[in-house]
């Protein structure tokens, strides 16, 4: 069975990079609220 949601299967590598950047940004905002 494939547990990876459809939205987690981007068609372009650029989408993967953008998603990873977004996740990192969200984590930084979560753990470092004082960060710009």
PDB file of N, CA and C in Angstrom:
ATOM      1  N   UNK A   1       0.842  -1.204   0.000  1.00  0.00           N
ATOM      2  CA  UNK A   1       0.000   0.000   0.000  1.00  0.00           C
ATOM      3  C   UNK A   1       0.875   1.251   0.000  1.00  0.00           C
ATOM      4  N   UNK A   2       0.422   2.253  -0.707  1.00  0.00           N
ATOM      5  CA  UNK A   2       1.179   3.501  -0.777  1.00  0.00           C
ATOM      6  C   UNK A   2       0.544   4.520   0.152  1.00  0.00           C
ATOM      7  N   UNK A   3       1.273   4.911   1.186  1.00  0.00           N
ATOM      8  CA  UNK A   3       0.710   5.831   2.176  1.00  0.00           C
ATOM      9  C   UNK A   3       1.008   7.292   1.852  1.00  0.00           C
ATOM     10  N   UNK A   4       1.797   7.516   0.788  1.00  0.00           N
ATOM     11  CA  UNK A   4       2.147   8.897   0.444  1.00  0.00           C
ATOM     12  C   UNK A   4       0.964   9.562  -0.240  1.00  0.00           C
ATOM     13  N   UNK A   5       0.493  10.681   0.312  1.00  0.00           N
ATOM     14  CA  UNK A   5      -0.652  11.363  -0.287  1.00  0.00           C
ATOM     15  C   UNK A   5      -0.320  11.881  -1.678  1.00  0.00           C
ATOM     16  N   UNK A   6      -1.357  12.123  -2.455  1.00  0.00           N
ATOM     17  CA  UNK A   6      -1.156  12.578  -3.834  1.00  0.00           C
ATOM     18  C   UNK A   6      -0.416  13.912  -3.855  1.00  0.00           C
ATOM     19  N   UNK A   7      -0.746  14.792  -2.914  1.00  0.00           N
ATOM     20  CA  UNK A   7      -0.117  16.119  -2.917  1.00  0.00           C
ATOM     21  C   UNK A   7       1.354  16.050  -2.563  1.00  0.00           C
ATOM     22  N   UNK A   8       1.806  14.907  -2.101  1.00  0.00           N
ATOM     23  CA  UNK A   8       3.216  14.762  -1.726  1.00  0.00           C
ATOM     24  C   UNK A   8       4.030  14.168  -2.870  1.00  0.00           C
ATOM     25  N   UNK A   9       3.395  14.041  -4.061  1.00  0.00           N
ATOM     26  CA  UNK A   9       4.099  13.474  -5.212  1.00  0.00           C
ATOM     27  C   UNK A   9       4.185  14.503  -6.335  1.00  0.00           C
ATOM     28  N   UNK A  10       4.998  15.543  -6.151  1.00  0.00           N
ATOM     29  CA  UNK A  10       5.100  16.575  -7.184  1.00  0.00           C
ATOM     30  C   UNK A  10       5.700  16.024  -8.468  1.00  0.00           C
ATOM     31  N   UNK A  11       5.340  16.647  -9.594  1.00  0.00           N
ATOM     32  CA  UNK A  11       5.805  16.147 -10.888  1.00  0.00           C
ATOM     33  C   UNK A  11       7.179  16.691 -11.244  1.00  0.00           C
ATOM     34  N   UNK A  12       7.593  17.778 -10.604  1.00  0.00           N
ATOM     35  CA  UNK A  12       8.884  18.377 -10.928  1.00  0.00           C
ATOM     36  C   UNK A  12       9.754  18.449  -9.683  1.00  0.00           C
ATOM     37  N   UNK A  13      11.071  18.301  -9.885  1.00  0.00           N
ATOM     38  CA  UNK A  13      11.991  18.371  -8.740  1.00  0.00           C
ATOM     39  C   UNK A  13      11.945  19.751  -8.110  1.00  0.00           C
ATOM     40  N   UNK A  14      11.643  20.765  -8.915  1.00  0.00           N
ATOM     41  CA  UNK A  14      11.564  22.122  -8.370  1.00  0.00           C
ATOM     42  C   UNK A  14      10.480  22.187  -7.303  1.00  0.00           C
ATOM     43  N   UNK A  15       9.388  21.467  -7.517  1.00  0.00           N
ATOM     44  CA  UNK A  15       8.310  21.460  -6.525  1.00  0.00           C
ATOM     45  C   UNK A  15       8.797  20.829  -5.221  1.00  0.00           C
ATOM     46  N   UNK A  16       9.620  19.791  -5.323  1.00  0.00           N
ATOM     47  CA  UNK A  16      10.155  19.143  -4.124  1.00  0.00           C
ATOM     48  C   UNK A  16      11.011  20.134  -3.350  1.00  0.00           C
ATOM     49  N   UNK A  17      11.845  20.885  -4.071  1.00  0.00           N
ATOM     50  CA  UNK A  17      12.719  21.860  -3.411  1.00  0.00           C
ATOM     51  C   UNK A  17      11.884  22.943  -2.743  1.00  0.00           C
ATOM     52  N   UNK A  18      10.855  23.409  -3.441  1.00  0.00           N
ATOM     53  CA  UNK A  18      10.010  24.458  -2.864  1.00  0.00           C
ATOM     54  C   UNK A  18       9.286  23.949  -1.624  1.00  0.00           C
ATOM     55  N   UNK A  19       8.807  22.711  -1.680  1.00  0.00           N
ATOM     56  CA  UNK A  19       8.096  22.154  -0.534  1.00  0.00           C
ATOM     57  C   UNK A  19       9.060  21.993   0.646  1.00  0.00           C
ATOM     58  N   UNK A  20      10.271  21.515   0.372  1.00  0.00           N
ATOM     59  CA  UNK A  20      11.256  21.349   1.442  1.00  0.00           C
ATOM     60  C   UNK A  20      11.587  22.699   2.068  1.00  0.00           C
ATOM     61  N   UNK A  21      11.742  23.712   1.219  1.00  0.00           N
ATOM     62  CA  UNK A  21      12.039  25.052   1.745  1.00  0.00           C
ATOM     63  C   UNK A  21      10.892  25.541   2.610  1.00  0.00           C
ATOM     64  N   UNK A  22       9.673  25.283   2.168  1.00  0.00           N
ATOM     65  CA  UNK A  22       8.508  25.724   2.942  1.00  0.00           C
ATOM     66  C   UNK A  22       8.460  25.014   4.290  1.00  0.00           C
ATOM     67  N   UNK A  23       8.750  23.725   4.300  1.00  0.00           N
ATOM     68  CA  UNK A  23       8.741  22.968   5.555  1.00  0.00           C
ATOM     69  C   UNK A  23       9.806  23.505   6.506  1.00  0.00           C
ATOM     70  N   UNK A  24      11.000  23.753   5.977  1.00  0.00           N
ATOM     71  CA  UNK A  24      12.085  24.281   6.816  1.00  0.00           C
ATOM     72  C   UNK A  24      11.700  25.643   7.370  1.00  0.00           C
ATOM     73  N   UNK A  25      11.117  26.493   6.519  1.00  0.00           N
ATOM     74  CA  UNK A  25      10.696  27.821   6.985  1.00  0.00           C
ATOM     75  C   UNK A  25       9.690  27.691   8.120  1.00  0.00           C
ATOM     76  N   UNK A  26       8.736  26.780   7.959  1.00  0.00           N
ATOM     77  CA  UNK A  26       7.718  26.615   9.001  1.00  0.00           C
ATOM     78  C   UNK A  26       8.342  26.108  10.295  1.00  0.00           C
ATOM     79  N   UNK A  27       9.299  25.194  10.186  1.00  0.00           N
ATOM     80  CA  UNK A  27       9.950  24.674  11.388  1.00  0.00           C
ATOM     81  C   UNK A  27      10.756  25.773  12.071  1.00  0.00           C
ATOM     82  N   UNK A  28      11.449  26.583  11.272  1.00  0.00           N
ATOM     83  CA  UNK A  28      12.235  27.675  11.867  1.00  0.00           C
ATOM     84  C   UNK A  28      11.315  28.650  12.582  1.00  0.00           C
ATOM     85  N   UNK A  29      10.154  28.936  11.975  1.00  0.00           N
ATOM     86  CA  UNK A  29       9.219  29.864  12.607  1.00  0.00           C
ATOM     87  C   UNK A  29       8.657  29.252  13.884  1.00  0.00           C
ATOM     88  N   UNK A  30       8.509  27.941  13.882  1.00  0.00           N
ATOM     89  CA  UNK A  30       7.923  27.278  15.046  1.00  0.00           C
ATOM     90  C   UNK A  30       8.905  27.273  16.220  1.00  0.00           C
ATOM     91  N   UNK A  31      10.178  26.951  15.922  1.00  0.00           N
ATOM     92  CA  UNK A  31      11.156  26.800  17.003  1.00  0.00           C
ATOM     93  C   UNK A  31      11.940  28.074  17.277  1.00  0.00           C
ATOM     94  N   UNK A  32      11.964  28.983  16.291  1.00  0.00           N
ATOM     95  CA  UNK A  32      12.692  30.247  16.474  1.00  0.00           C
ATOM     96  C   UNK A  32      11.759  31.406  16.153  1.00  0.00           C
ATOM     97  N   UNK A  33      10.809  31.678  17.029  1.00  0.00           N
ATOM     98  CA  UNK A  33       9.784  32.692  16.739  1.00  0.00           C
ATOM     99  C   UNK A  33      10.383  34.073  16.537  1.00  0.00           C
ATOM    100  N   UNK A  34      11.603  34.320  17.048  1.00  0.00           N
ATOM    101  CA  UNK A  34      12.214  35.638  16.917  1.00  0.00           C
ATOM    102  C   UNK A  34      12.919  35.796  15.569  1.00  0.00           C
ATOM    103  N   UNK A  35      13.012  34.718  14.805  1.00  0.00           N
ATOM    104  CA  UNK A  35      13.692  34.799  13.514  1.00  0.00           C
ATOM    105  C   UNK A  35      12.851  35.616  12.532  1.00  0.00           C
ATOM    106  N   UNK A  36      13.516  36.354  11.646  1.00  0.00           N
ATOM    107  CA  UNK A  36      12.801  37.185  10.669  1.00  0.00           C
ATOM    108  C   UNK A  36      12.035  36.345   9.663  1.00  0.00           C
TER     109      UNK A  36
END
